[in-house]
Amino acid sequence: MTTKYNNVYINATGTVTGPYEANGPFSKFYDKSYNDFYFGMPTWEQAESKLIMDSVDVVLSKMGKTRFDIDLYISGDLLNQTVASNYAASNLKIPFMGIYNACATSVEGLTIAANFIDAKQIDDAIVSVSSHNNGAEKQFRYPVEYGGPKRKTTTFTTTGGASAYLSREKSPIKVDSTTIGIVTDLGIKDVYHMGAVMAPAAASTIYNHLVDTGRTIDYYDLVLTGDLGIYGKSILKEYMKTEYNIELNKYDDAASMIFNIDDEPVYAGGSGPACLPLIAYSYIFDMMKNKKYKRVLLVATGALMSQTMVNQKLTIPSIAHAISLEVVE
């Protein structure tokens, strides 16, 4: 399902990262980075909530606004009951929607905000996501202290918080449209190969977006997926060619970009709800503002799993949502 918008813009963003991201190739584009995993907090979960708050503070500062000026706050994360977002929202005191679509949460949130704004039900919104490597590893796989070996196809959860401010106020980056994906399940059970799990969902959403809009893939200067990693990225390109006869030439994957994969112990690259927006809200938006990219399709991908279901030997479903962004001439 694709929705077109008449007058919705992304006016400001805030990106805050942990140490691995700060040592990555795009460190100079982030608004703030920490050199440890605690950020002055007593636990990883509380540290993740701080990431969200910091990214919101960056956005408010850029816009010259306070939290009392914001109509709606939307946020999601990987922790059970989205507690990182809940605790951040309890401090912000803005009308709040907590959301979850795993690593596809960022574009889900942008879609919800864009619909509210385009319908003139609200004037503005802040949309946040976060993830924390140690918190996610503890919840979804093994405690970090366990030190268990992992396969090379494993992705490394990003540590970061990312927020975006949307409104009808004209700015260089306009929200053209969004495409809500369908849940896809090709029968994969390997929790250590999320790229293979999510690539078919990304392919389905990209294809449906093109059909709905009547566009070809060449319409976009860049198609950027979120969390496929170096192996999932290759799978997506092959799958798009085989299943839909579409060549992904102007394409990249945020998970394959965010770390120095050859120099850091990050396996196949990044993952987590913050992975795509950390790259998009910093480096990609800088490229768009400088008009090196004029049309970008962001495709956030999420594996809809839990430790309980994996232990029951069930297959892992996935989802992908897309948002089309264009530079205002």
C-alpha atoms as a PDB file:
ATOM      1  CA  MET A   1       0.000   0.000   0.000  1.00  0.00           C
ATOM      2  CA  THR A   2       1.496   3.305  -1.128  1.00  0.00           C
ATOM      3  CA  THR A   3       0.395   6.746   0.054  1.00  0.00           C
ATOM      4  CA  LYS A   4       1.332  10.026  -1.639  1.00  0.00           C
ATOM      5  CA  TYR A   5       1.745  13.241   0.358  1.00  0.00           C
ATOM      6  CA  ASN A   6       1.184  16.837  -0.665  1.00  0.00           C
ATOM      7  CA  ASN A   7       2.949  18.855   1.974  1.00  0.00           C
ATOM      8  CA  VAL A   8       5.112  16.905   4.436  1.00  0.00           C
ATOM      9  CA  TYR A   9       8.771  17.685   5.071  1.00  0.00           C
ATOM     10  CA  ILE A  10      11.615  16.431   7.251  1.00  0.00           C
ATOM     11  CA  ASN A  11      12.949  19.638   8.760  1.00  0.00           C
ATOM     12  CA  ALA A  12      15.626  18.410  11.180  1.00  0.00           C
ATOM     13  CA  THR A  13      17.276  15.227  12.425  1.00  0.00           C
ATOM     14  CA  GLY A  14      19.399  14.151  15.368  1.00  0.00           C
ATOM     15  CA  THR A  15      21.860  11.246  15.415  1.00  0.00           C
ATOM     16  CA  VAL A  16      23.678   9.945  18.510  1.00  0.00           C
ATOM     17  CA  THR A  17      25.925   6.881  18.462  1.00  0.00           C
ATOM     18  CA  GLY A  18      28.077   4.538  20.487  1.00  0.00           C
ATOM     19  CA  PRO A  19      31.787   3.807  20.092  1.00  0.00           C
ATOM     20  CA  TYR A  20      31.785   1.430  17.105  1.00  0.00           C
ATOM     21  CA  GLU A  21      29.729   3.812  14.999  1.00  0.00           C
ATOM     22  CA  ALA A  22      31.933   6.704  16.123  1.00  0.00           C
ATOM     23  CA  ASN A  23      34.922   4.813  14.707  1.00  0.00           C
ATOM     24  CA  GLY A  24      33.111   4.113  11.445  1.00  0.00           C
ATOM     25  CA  PRO A  25      33.428   5.856   8.079  1.00  0.00           C
ATOM     26  CA  PHE A  26      30.621   8.385   8.715  1.00  0.00           C
ATOM     27  CA  SER A  27      31.584   9.556  12.189  1.00  0.00           C
ATOM     28  CA  LYS A  28      31.921  13.209  11.157  1.00  0.00           C
ATOM     29  CA  PHE A  29      28.270  13.328  10.095  1.00  0.00           C
ATOM     30  CA  TYR A  30      26.790  12.321  13.468  1.00  0.00           C
ATOM     31  CA  ASP A  31      25.592  14.959  15.893  1.00  0.00           C
ATOM     32  CA  LYS A  32      27.001  13.271  18.996  1.00  0.00           C
ATOM     33  CA  SER A  33      28.885  10.092  19.908  1.00  0.00           C
ATOM     34  CA  TYR A  34      29.930   8.287  23.075  1.00  0.00           C
ATOM     35  CA  ASN A  35      33.117   6.294  23.637  1.00  0.00           C
ATOM     36  CA  ASP A  36      31.561   3.565  25.818  1.00  0.00           C
ATOM     37  CA  PHE A  37      28.283   1.629  26.076  1.00  0.00           C
ATOM     38  CA  TYR A  38      26.928   3.165  29.294  1.00  0.00           C
ATOM     39  CA  PHE A  39      26.892   6.933  28.559  1.00  0.00           C
ATOM     40  CA  GLY A  40      27.042   7.640  32.277  1.00  0.00           C
ATOM     41  CA  MET A  41      24.031   5.432  33.044  1.00  0.00           C
ATOM     42  CA  PRO A  42      24.013   2.346  35.328  1.00  0.00           C
ATOM     43  CA  THR A  43      22.582  -0.146  32.791  1.00  0.00           C
ATOM     44  CA  TRP A  44      22.519  -0.716  29.030  1.00  0.00           C
ATOM     45  CA  GLU A  45      18.744  -0.299  28.928  1.00  0.00           C
ATOM     46  CA  GLN A  46      18.900   3.076  30.644  1.00  0.00           C
ATOM     47  CA  ALA A  47      21.773   4.022  28.351  1.00  0.00           C
ATOM     48  CA  GLU A  48      19.569   3.290  25.324  1.00  0.00           C
ATOM     49  CA  SER A  49      16.834   5.544  26.666  1.00  0.00           C
ATOM     50  CA  LYS A  50      19.461   8.274  27.052  1.00  0.00           C
ATOM     51  CA  LEU A  51      20.383   7.856  23.378  1.00  0.00           C
ATOM     52  CA  ILE A  52      16.794   8.633  22.455  1.00  0.00           C
ATOM     53  CA  MET A  53      16.601  11.671  24.724  1.00  0.00           C
ATOM     54  CA  ASP A  54      19.888  13.014  23.377  1.00  0.00           C
ATOM     55  CA  SER A  55      18.711  12.694  19.764  1.00  0.00           C
ATOM     56  CA  VAL A  56      15.437  14.465  20.584  1.00  0.00           C
ATOM     57  CA  ASP A  57      17.364  17.259  22.314  1.00  0.00           C
ATOM     58  CA  VAL A  58      19.472  17.696  19.167  1.00  0.00           C
ATOM     59  CA  VAL A  59      16.346  18.012  17.015  1.00  0.00           C
ATOM     60  CA  LEU A  60      14.671  20.486  19.356  1.00  0.00           C
ATOM     61  CA  SER A  61      17.840  22.577  19.462  1.00  0.00           C
ATOM     62  CA  LYS A  62      18.116  22.671  15.663  1.00  0.00           C
ATOM     63  CA  MET A  63      14.476  23.717  15.338  1.00  0.00           C
ATOM     64  CA  GLY A  64      14.634  26.253  18.170  1.00  0.00           C
ATOM     65  CA  LYS A  65      11.691  24.537  19.853  1.00  0.00           C
ATOM     66  CA  THR A  66      10.862  22.974  23.208  1.00  0.00           C
ATOM     67  CA  ARG A  67       9.043  19.738  23.888  1.00  0.00           C
ATOM     68  CA  PHE A  68       5.892  21.755  24.624  1.00  0.00           C
ATOM     69  CA  ASP A  69       5.791  22.828  20.956  1.00  0.00           C
ATOM     70  CA  ILE A  70       5.485  19.266  19.615  1.00  0.00           C
ATOM     71  CA  ASP A  71       2.076  17.757  18.846  1.00  0.00           C
ATOM     72  CA  LEU A  72       3.030  14.070  18.680  1.00  0.00           C
ATOM     73  CA  TYR A  73       5.964  11.890  19.679  1.00  0.00           C
ATOM     74  CA  ILE A  74       6.467   8.466  18.069  1.00  0.00           C
ATOM     75  CA  SER A  75       9.235   6.093  19.084  1.00  0.00           C
ATOM     76  CA  GLY A  76      10.253   2.437  19.013  1.00  0.00           C
ATOM     77  CA  ASP A  77      13.166   0.187  19.942  1.00  0.00           C
ATOM     78  CA  LEU A  78      14.124  -3.482  20.293  1.00  0.00           C
ATOM     79  CA  LEU A  79      13.666  -3.929  24.033  1.00  0.00           C
ATOM     80  CA  ASN A  80      10.668  -5.794  25.448  1.00  0.00           C
ATOM     81  CA  GLN A  81       7.609  -3.524  25.684  1.00  0.00           C
ATOM     82  CA  THR A  82       9.716  -0.827  23.943  1.00  0.00           C
ATOM     83  CA  VAL A  83      10.860   0.317  27.370  1.00  0.00           C
ATOM     84  CA  ALA A  84      13.675   2.549  26.105  1.00  0.00           C
ATOM     85  CA  SER A  85      11.106   4.621  24.232  1.00  0.00           C
ATOM     86  CA  ASN A  86       8.597   4.502  27.083  1.00  0.00           C
ATOM     87  CA  TYR A  87      11.036   5.930  29.603  1.00  0.00           C
ATOM     88  CA  ALA A  88      12.122   8.636  27.168  1.00  0.00           C
ATOM     89  CA  ALA A  89       8.490   9.541  26.558  1.00  0.00           C
ATOM     90  CA  SER A  90       7.823   9.701  30.294  1.00  0.00           C
ATOM     91  CA  ASN A  91      10.392  12.501  30.478  1.00  0.00           C
ATOM     92  CA  LEU A  92       9.225  14.332  27.358  1.00  0.00           C
ATOM     93  CA  LYS A  93       5.525  14.517  28.303  1.00  0.00           C
ATOM     94  CA  ILE A  94       4.468  14.766  24.648  1.00  0.00           C
ATOM     95  CA  PRO A  95       1.428  12.777  23.400  1.00  0.00           C
ATOM     96  CA  PHE A  96       3.083   9.451  22.625  1.00  0.00           C
ATOM     97  CA  MET A  97       2.725   6.464  20.327  1.00  0.00           C
ATOM     98  CA  GLY A  98       5.056   3.546  21.036  1.00  0.00           C
ATOM     99  CA  ILE A  99       5.587   1.361  17.963  1.00  0.00           C
ATOM    100  CA  TYR A 100       7.402  -1.825  17.001  1.00  0.00           C
ATOM    101  CA  ASN A 101       8.310  -3.357  13.661  1.00  0.00           C
ATOM    102  CA  ALA A 102      11.773  -4.557  14.639  1.00  0.00           C
ATOM    103  CA  CYS A 103      14.423  -2.894  12.462  1.00  0.00           C
ATOM    104  CA  ALA A 104      11.721  -1.524  10.133  1.00  0.00           C
ATOM    105  CA  THR A 105      10.406   0.690  12.940  1.00  0.00           C
ATOM    106  CA  SER A 106      12.032   3.901  11.677  1.00  0.00           C
ATOM    107  CA  VAL A 107      10.051   4.076   8.433  1.00  0.00           C
ATOM    108  CA  GLU A 108       6.911   2.818  10.180  1.00  0.00           C
ATOM    109  CA  GLY A 109       7.156   5.828  12.490  1.00  0.00           C
ATOM    110  CA  LEU A 110       7.799   8.252   9.638  1.00  0.00           C
ATOM    111  CA  THR A 111       4.780   6.844   7.812  1.00  0.00           C
ATOM    112  CA  ILE A 112       2.475   7.341  10.790  1.00  0.00           C
ATOM    113  CA  ALA A 113       3.713  10.893  11.332  1.00  0.00           C
ATOM    114  CA  ALA A 114       3.399  11.786   7.643  1.00  0.00           C
ATOM    115  CA  ASN A 115      -0.198  10.574   7.556  1.00  0.00           C
ATOM    116  CA  PHE A 116      -1.184  12.613  10.616  1.00  0.00           C
ATOM    117  CA  ILE A 117       0.507  15.734   9.241  1.00  0.00           C
ATOM    118  CA  ASP A 118      -0.801  15.392   5.684  1.00  0.00           C
ATOM    119  CA  ALA A 119      -4.337  14.944   7.048  1.00  0.00           C
ATOM    120  CA  LYS A 120      -3.834  18.149   9.086  1.00  0.00           C
ATOM    121  CA  GLN A 121      -4.653  16.332  12.297  1.00  0.00           C
ATOM    122  CA  ILE A 122      -1.392  17.625  13.755  1.00  0.00           C
ATOM    123  CA  ASP A 123       1.108  20.303  12.779  1.00  0.00           C
ATOM    124  CA  ASP A 124       4.325  18.487  13.631  1.00  0.00           C
ATOM    125  CA  ALA A 125       5.848  15.353  15.114  1.00  0.00           C
ATOM    126  CA  ILE A 126       9.133  13.898  16.264  1.00  0.00           C
ATOM    127  CA  VAL A 127       9.859  10.292  15.323  1.00  0.00           C
ATOM    128  CA  SER A 128      12.618   8.377  17.143  1.00  0.00           C
ATOM    129  CA  VAL A 129      14.182   4.931  17.115  1.00  0.00           C
ATOM    130  CA  SER A 130      17.032   3.388  19.048  1.00  0.00           C
ATOM    131  CA  SER A 131      19.040   0.212  19.476  1.00  0.00           C
ATOM    132  CA  HIS A 132      21.847  -0.850  21.788  1.00  0.00           C
ATOM    133  CA  ASN A 133      24.247  -3.640  20.913  1.00  0.00           C
ATOM    134  CA  ASN A 134      24.605  -5.098  24.380  1.00  0.00           C
ATOM    135  CA  GLY A 135      20.948  -4.714  25.290  1.00  0.00           C
ATOM    136  CA  ALA A 136      19.794  -6.386  22.068  1.00  0.00           C
ATOM    137  CA  GLU A 137      22.339  -9.210  22.281  1.00  0.00           C
ATOM    138  CA  LYS A 138      21.279  -9.972  25.850  1.00  0.00           C
ATOM    139  CA  GLN A 139      17.632 -10.137  24.860  1.00  0.00           C
ATOM    140  CA  PHE A 140      17.689 -11.875  21.485  1.00  0.00           C
ATOM    141  CA  ARG A 141      20.702 -14.170  21.617  1.00  0.00           C
ATOM    142  CA  TYR A 142      23.118 -14.712  24.509  1.00  0.00           C
ATOM    143  CA  PRO A 143      24.332 -12.401  27.268  1.00  0.00           C
ATOM    144  CA  VAL A 144      27.376 -10.504  26.038  1.00  0.00           C
ATOM    145  CA  GLU A 145      29.485 -11.981  28.856  1.00  0.00           C
ATOM    146  CA  TYR A 146      28.828 -15.482  27.507  1.00  0.00           C
ATOM    147  CA  GLY A 147      31.301 -14.870  24.714  1.00  0.00           C
ATOM    148  CA  GLY A 148      29.849 -17.482  22.379  1.00  0.00           C
ATOM    149  CA  PRO A 149      31.196 -17.701  18.818  1.00  0.00           C
ATOM    150  CA  LYS A 150      28.993 -16.432  15.999  1.00  0.00           C
ATOM    151  CA  ARG A 151      28.736 -17.156  12.298  1.00  0.00           C
ATOM    152  CA  LYS A 152      30.136 -14.773   9.736  1.00  0.00           C
ATOM    153  CA  THR A 153      26.609 -14.024   8.451  1.00  0.00           C
ATOM    154  CA  THR A 154      25.680 -12.518  11.842  1.00  0.00           C
ATOM    155  CA  THR A 155      24.986  -8.800  11.975  1.00  0.00           C
ATOM    156  CA  PHE A 156      26.157  -6.523  14.797  1.00  0.00           C
ATOM    157  CA  THR A 157      23.416  -4.425  16.381  1.00  0.00           C
ATOM    158  CA  THR A 158      24.130  -0.720  16.109  1.00  0.00           C
ATOM    159  CA  THR A 159      24.213   1.441  19.222  1.00  0.00           C
ATOM    160  CA  GLY A 160      22.449   4.677  18.471  1.00  0.00           C
ATOM    161  CA  GLY A 161      19.458   6.934  18.746  1.00  0.00           C
ATOM    162  CA  ALA A 162      17.988   8.785  15.778  1.00  0.00           C
ATOM    163  CA  SER A 163      15.167  11.327  15.665  1.00  0.00           C
ATOM    164  CA  ALA A 164      13.468  13.303  12.909  1.00  0.00           C
ATOM    165  CA  TYR A 165      11.177  16.332  13.038  1.00  0.00           C
ATOM    166  CA  LEU A 166       8.373  16.391  10.445  1.00  0.00           C
ATOM    167  CA  SER A 167       5.948  19.189   9.645  1.00  0.00           C
ATOM    168  CA  ARG A 168       4.259  21.062   6.812  1.00  0.00           C
ATOM    169  CA  GLU A 169       6.929  23.749   6.974  1.00  0.00           C
ATOM    170  CA  LYS A 170       8.823  23.691   3.683  1.00  0.00           C
ATOM    171  CA  SER A 171      12.400  22.436   3.861  1.00  0.00           C
ATOM    172  CA  PRO A 172      14.932  20.895   1.443  1.00  0.00           C
ATOM    173  CA  ILE A 173      13.740  17.300   1.989  1.00  0.00           C
ATOM    174  CA  LYS A 174      10.145  16.454   1.134  1.00  0.00           C
ATOM    175  CA  VAL A 175       8.326  13.217   1.928  1.00  0.00           C
ATOM    176  CA  ASP A 176       6.959  12.121  -1.456  1.00  0.00           C
ATOM    177  CA  SER A 177       5.315   8.846  -0.491  1.00  0.00           C
ATOM    178  CA  THR A 178       5.470   5.779   1.738  1.00  0.00           C
ATOM    179  CA  THR A 179       4.850   2.118   1.014  1.00  0.00           C
ATOM    180  CA  ILE A 180       3.715  -0.223   3.774  1.00  0.00           C
ATOM    181  CA  GLY A 181       5.085  -3.721   3.291  1.00  0.00           C
ATOM    182  CA  ILE A 182       3.602  -7.157   3.822  1.00  0.00           C
ATOM    183  CA  VAL A 183       4.971  -9.809   6.158  1.00  0.00           C
ATOM    184  CA  THR A 184       7.138 -12.262   4.229  1.00  0.00           C
ATOM    185  CA  ASP A 185       8.287 -15.700   5.371  1.00  0.00           C
ATOM    186  CA  LEU A 186      10.377 -17.949   3.123  1.00  0.00           C
ATOM    187  CA  GLY A 187      10.919 -20.568   5.821  1.00  0.00           C
ATOM    188  CA  ILE A 188      14.319 -19.457   7.143  1.00  0.00           C
ATOM    189  CA  LYS A 189      15.051 -20.390  10.769  1.00  0.00           C
ATOM    190  CA  ASP A 190      18.658 -19.205  11.086  1.00  0.00           C
ATOM    191  CA  VAL A 191      18.795 -16.445  13.706  1.00  0.00           C
ATOM    192  CA  TYR A 192      22.371 -15.751  12.612  1.00  0.00           C
ATOM    193  CA  HIS A 193      21.438 -14.840   9.040  1.00  0.00           C
ATOM    194  CA  MET A 194      19.017 -11.941   9.277  1.00  0.00           C
ATOM    195  CA  GLY A 195      20.071 -10.677   5.854  1.00  0.00           C
ATOM    196  CA  ALA A 196      18.610 -13.777   4.229  1.00  0.00           C
ATOM    197  CA  VAL A 197      15.470 -13.467   6.351  1.00  0.00           C
ATOM    198  CA  MET A 198      14.795  -9.829   5.412  1.00  0.00           C
ATOM    199  CA  ALA A 199      15.948  -9.594   1.782  1.00  0.00           C
ATOM    200  CA  PRO A 200      12.704 -11.026   0.314  1.00  0.00           C
ATOM    201  CA  ALA A 201      10.619  -8.529   2.314  1.00  0.00           C
ATOM    202  CA  ALA A 202      12.766  -5.674   0.996  1.00  0.00           C
ATOM    203  CA  ALA A 203      12.365  -6.966  -2.551  1.00  0.00           C
ATOM    204  CA  SER A 204       8.589  -7.231  -2.207  1.00  0.00           C
ATOM    205  CA  THR A 205       8.258  -3.688  -0.880  1.00  0.00           C
ATOM    206  CA  ILE A 206      10.534  -2.161  -3.518  1.00  0.00           C
ATOM    207  CA  TYR A 207       8.613  -3.936  -6.267  1.00  0.00           C
ATOM    208  CA  ASN A 208       5.204  -2.945  -4.894  1.00  0.00           C
ATOM    209  CA  HIS A 209       6.351   0.650  -4.489  1.00  0.00           C
ATOM    210  CA  LEU A 210       7.383   0.804  -8.133  1.00  0.00           C
ATOM    211  CA  VAL A 211       4.115  -0.781  -9.302  1.00  0.00           C
ATOM    212  CA  ASP A 212       1.991   1.531  -7.136  1.00  0.00           C
ATOM    213  CA  THR A 213       3.801   4.673  -8.281  1.00  0.00           C
ATOM    214  CA  GLY A 214       4.269   3.641 -11.919  1.00  0.00           C
ATOM    215  CA  ARG A 215       7.994   4.292 -11.644  1.00  0.00           C
ATOM    216  CA  THR A 216      11.055   2.371 -12.726  1.00  0.00           C
ATOM    217  CA  ILE A 217      13.988   1.753 -10.420  1.00  0.00           C
ATOM    218  CA  ASP A 218      15.996   4.355 -12.361  1.00  0.00           C
ATOM    219  CA  TYR A 219      13.716   7.074 -10.985  1.00  0.00           C
ATOM    220  CA  TYR A 220      15.815   7.019  -7.801  1.00  0.00           C
ATOM    221  CA  ASP A 221      19.369   8.248  -7.435  1.00  0.00           C
ATOM    222  CA  LEU A 222      19.731   5.825  -4.527  1.00  0.00           C
ATOM    223  CA  VAL A 223      17.820   2.921  -3.011  1.00  0.00           C
ATOM    224  CA  LEU A 224      19.047   2.350   0.544  1.00  0.00           C
ATOM    225  CA  THR A 225      18.030  -0.671   2.605  1.00  0.00           C
ATOM    226  CA  GLY A 226      18.498  -0.854   6.327  1.00  0.00           C
ATOM    227  CA  ASP A 227      19.819  -4.025   7.873  1.00  0.00           C
ATOM    228  CA  LEU A 228      20.741  -6.644   5.307  1.00  0.00           C
ATOM    229  CA  GLY A 229      24.516  -6.642   5.795  1.00  0.00           C
ATOM    230  CA  ILE A 230      27.007  -7.682   3.165  1.00  0.00           C
ATOM    231  CA  TYR A 231      25.429 -11.104   2.550  1.00  0.00           C
ATOM    232  CA  GLY A 232      21.825  -9.942   2.619  1.00  0.00           C
ATOM    233  CA  LYS A 233      22.727  -7.110   0.270  1.00  0.00           C
ATOM    234  CA  SER A 234      23.949  -9.611  -2.318  1.00  0.00           C
ATOM    235  CA  ILE A 235      20.887 -11.797  -1.787  1.00  0.00           C
ATOM    236  CA  LEU A 236      18.563  -8.834  -2.380  1.00  0.00           C
ATOM    237  CA  LYS A 237      20.255  -7.883  -5.645  1.00  0.00           C
ATOM    238  CA  GLU A 238      20.062 -11.458  -6.912  1.00  0.00           C
ATOM    239  CA  TYR A 239      16.474 -11.895  -5.695  1.00  0.00           C
ATOM    240  CA  MET A 240      15.301  -8.669  -7.366  1.00  0.00           C
ATOM    241  CA  LYS A 241      16.848  -9.783 -10.645  1.00  0.00           C
ATOM    242  CA  THR A 242      15.477 -13.340 -10.495  1.00  0.00           C
ATOM    243  CA  GLU A 243      12.017 -12.645  -9.085  1.00  0.00           C
ATOM    244  CA  TYR A 244      11.188  -9.238 -10.601  1.00  0.00           C
ATOM    245  CA  ASN A 245      13.741  -8.742 -13.401  1.00  0.00           C
ATOM    246  CA  ILE A 246      14.937  -5.513 -11.763  1.00  0.00           C
ATOM    247  CA  GLU A 247      18.609  -4.559 -11.625  1.00  0.00           C
ATOM    248  CA  LEU A 248      19.586  -2.717  -8.445  1.00  0.00           C
ATOM    249  CA  ASN A 249      22.437  -0.596  -9.752  1.00  0.00           C
ATOM    250  CA  LYS A 250      22.086   2.604  -7.722  1.00  0.00           C
ATOM    251  CA  TYR A 251      21.746   0.729  -4.471  1.00  0.00           C
ATOM    252  CA  ASP A 252      23.433   0.371  -1.102  1.00  0.00           C
ATOM    253  CA  ASP A 253      22.714  -0.983   2.362  1.00  0.00           C
ATOM    254  CA  ALA A 254      23.174   0.990   5.574  1.00  0.00           C
ATOM    255  CA  ALA A 255      24.266  -2.103   7.484  1.00  0.00           C
ATOM    256  CA  SER A 256      27.075  -2.603   4.982  1.00  0.00           C
ATOM    257  CA  MET A 257      28.146   1.046   5.295  1.00  0.00           C
ATOM    258  CA  ILE A 258      27.972   1.996   8.960  1.00  0.00           C
ATOM    259  CA  PHE A 259      31.059   0.116  10.238  1.00  0.00           C
ATOM    260  CA  ASN A 260      34.574  -0.502   9.004  1.00  0.00           C
ATOM    261  CA  ILE A 261      33.733  -4.155   8.452  1.00  0.00           C
ATOM    262  CA  ASP A 262      37.279  -5.211   7.624  1.00  0.00           C
ATOM    263  CA  ASP A 263      38.773  -3.575  10.730  1.00  0.00           C
ATOM    264  CA  GLU A 264      36.138  -4.148  13.430  1.00  0.00           C
ATOM    265  CA  PRO A 265      34.597  -7.358  14.874  1.00  0.00           C
ATOM    266  CA  VAL A 266      31.165  -6.619  13.404  1.00  0.00           C
ATOM    267  CA  TYR A 267      30.739  -9.745  11.249  1.00  0.00           C
ATOM    268  CA  ALA A 268      28.455  -9.007   8.251  1.00  0.00           C
ATOM    269  CA  GLY A 269      27.704  -5.404   9.227  1.00  0.00           C
ATOM    270  CA  GLY A 270      25.124  -3.512  11.220  1.00  0.00           C
ATOM    271  CA  SER A 271      21.510  -4.038  12.253  1.00  0.00           C
ATOM    272  CA  GLY A 272      18.968  -2.570  14.651  1.00  0.00           C
ATOM    273  CA  PRO A 273      16.247   0.097  14.244  1.00  0.00           C
ATOM    274  CA  ALA A 274      18.868   2.858  14.430  1.00  0.00           C
ATOM    275  CA  CYS A 275      21.042   1.463  11.624  1.00  0.00           C
ATOM    276  CA  LEU A 276      19.198   2.934   8.631  1.00  0.00           C
ATOM    277  CA  PRO A 277      18.370   6.365  10.118  1.00  0.00           C
ATOM    278  CA  LEU A 278      21.898   6.866  11.489  1.00  0.00           C
ATOM    279  CA  ILE A 279      23.180   6.712   7.916  1.00  0.00           C
ATOM    280  CA  ALA A 280      20.159   8.352   6.282  1.00  0.00           C
ATOM    281  CA  TYR A 281      19.710  11.260   8.698  1.00  0.00           C
ATOM    282  CA  SER A 282      23.397  12.138   8.608  1.00  0.00           C
ATOM    283  CA  TYR A 283      25.359  11.252   5.484  1.00  0.00           C
ATOM    284  CA  ILE A 284      22.488  10.700   3.021  1.00  0.00           C
ATOM    285  CA  PHE A 285      20.631  13.859   4.046  1.00  0.00           C
ATOM    286  CA  ASP A 286      23.869  15.809   3.698  1.00  0.00           C
ATOM    287  CA  MET A 287      24.190  14.455   0.173  1.00  0.00           C
ATOM    288  CA  MET A 288      20.595  15.419  -0.577  1.00  0.00           C
ATOM    289  CA  LYS A 289      20.985  18.942   0.774  1.00  0.00           C
ATOM    290  CA  ASN A 290      24.007  19.304  -1.479  1.00  0.00           C
ATOM    291  CA  LYS A 291      21.859  17.904  -4.338  1.00  0.00           C
ATOM    292  CA  LYS A 292      24.158  14.981  -5.028  1.00  0.00           C
ATOM    293  CA  TYR A 293      21.087  12.805  -4.503  1.00  0.00           C
ATOM    294  CA  LYS A 294      17.697  14.262  -5.465  1.00  0.00           C
ATOM    295  CA  ARG A 295      15.461  11.208  -5.112  1.00  0.00           C
ATOM    296  CA  VAL A 296      16.105   8.558  -2.476  1.00  0.00           C
ATOM    297  CA  LEU A 297      14.074   5.494  -1.506  1.00  0.00           C
ATOM    298  CA  LEU A 298      14.732   4.350   2.068  1.00  0.00           C
ATOM    299  CA  VAL A 299      13.697   0.757   2.759  1.00  0.00           C
ATOM    300  CA  ALA A 300      13.785  -0.261   6.417  1.00  0.00           C
ATOM    301  CA  THR A 301      13.785  -4.022   6.985  1.00  0.00           C
ATOM    302  CA  GLY A 302      12.833  -5.932  10.121  1.00  0.00           C
ATOM    303  CA  ALA A 303      12.965  -9.552  11.307  1.00  0.00           C
ATOM    304  CA  LEU A 304       9.798 -10.198  13.324  1.00  0.00           C
ATOM    305  CA  MET A 305      11.247 -12.722  15.747  1.00  0.00           C
ATOM    306  CA  SER A 306      11.552 -13.373  19.439  1.00  0.00           C
ATOM    307  CA  GLN A 307      13.837 -15.640  21.414  1.00  0.00           C
ATOM    308  CA  THR A 308      10.807 -17.688  22.466  1.00  0.00           C
ATOM    309  CA  MET A 309       9.672 -18.396  18.909  1.00  0.00           C
ATOM    310  CA  VAL A 310      13.199 -19.177  17.732  1.00  0.00           C
ATOM    311  CA  ASN A 311      13.527 -21.698  20.572  1.00  0.00           C
ATOM    312  CA  GLN A 312      10.287 -23.272  19.341  1.00  0.00           C
ATOM    313  CA  LYS A 313      12.050 -23.838  15.990  1.00  0.00           C
ATOM    314  CA  LEU A 314       9.620 -21.654  14.064  1.00  0.00           C
ATOM    315  CA  THR A 315      10.524 -19.832  10.876  1.00  0.00           C
ATOM    316  CA  ILE A 316      11.303 -16.110  11.017  1.00  0.00           C
ATOM    317  CA  PRO A 317       8.919 -13.704   9.256  1.00  0.00           C
ATOM    318  CA  SER A 318      10.071 -10.281   8.094  1.00  0.00           C
ATOM    319  CA  ILE A 319       8.722  -6.909   7.011  1.00  0.00           C
ATOM    320  CA  ALA A 320       9.971  -3.898   5.051  1.00  0.00           C
ATOM    321  CA  HIS A 321       8.549  -0.392   4.723  1.00  0.00           C
ATOM    322  CA  ALA A 322       9.702   2.258   2.245  1.00  0.00           C
ATOM    323  CA  ILE A 323       9.717   6.050   2.224  1.00  0.00           C
ATOM    324  CA  SER A 324      10.392   8.105  -0.878  1.00  0.00           C
ATOM    325  CA  LEU A 325      12.225  11.382  -0.236  1.00  0.00           C
ATOM    326  CA  GLU A 326      12.846  14.151  -2.760  1.00  0.00           C
ATOM    327  CA  VAL A 327      14.890  17.331  -2.755  1.00  0.00           C
ATOM    328  CA  VAL A 328      12.809  20.480  -3.065  1.00  0.00           C
ATOM    329  CA  GLU A 329      14.131  22.529  -5.978  1.00  0.00           C
END
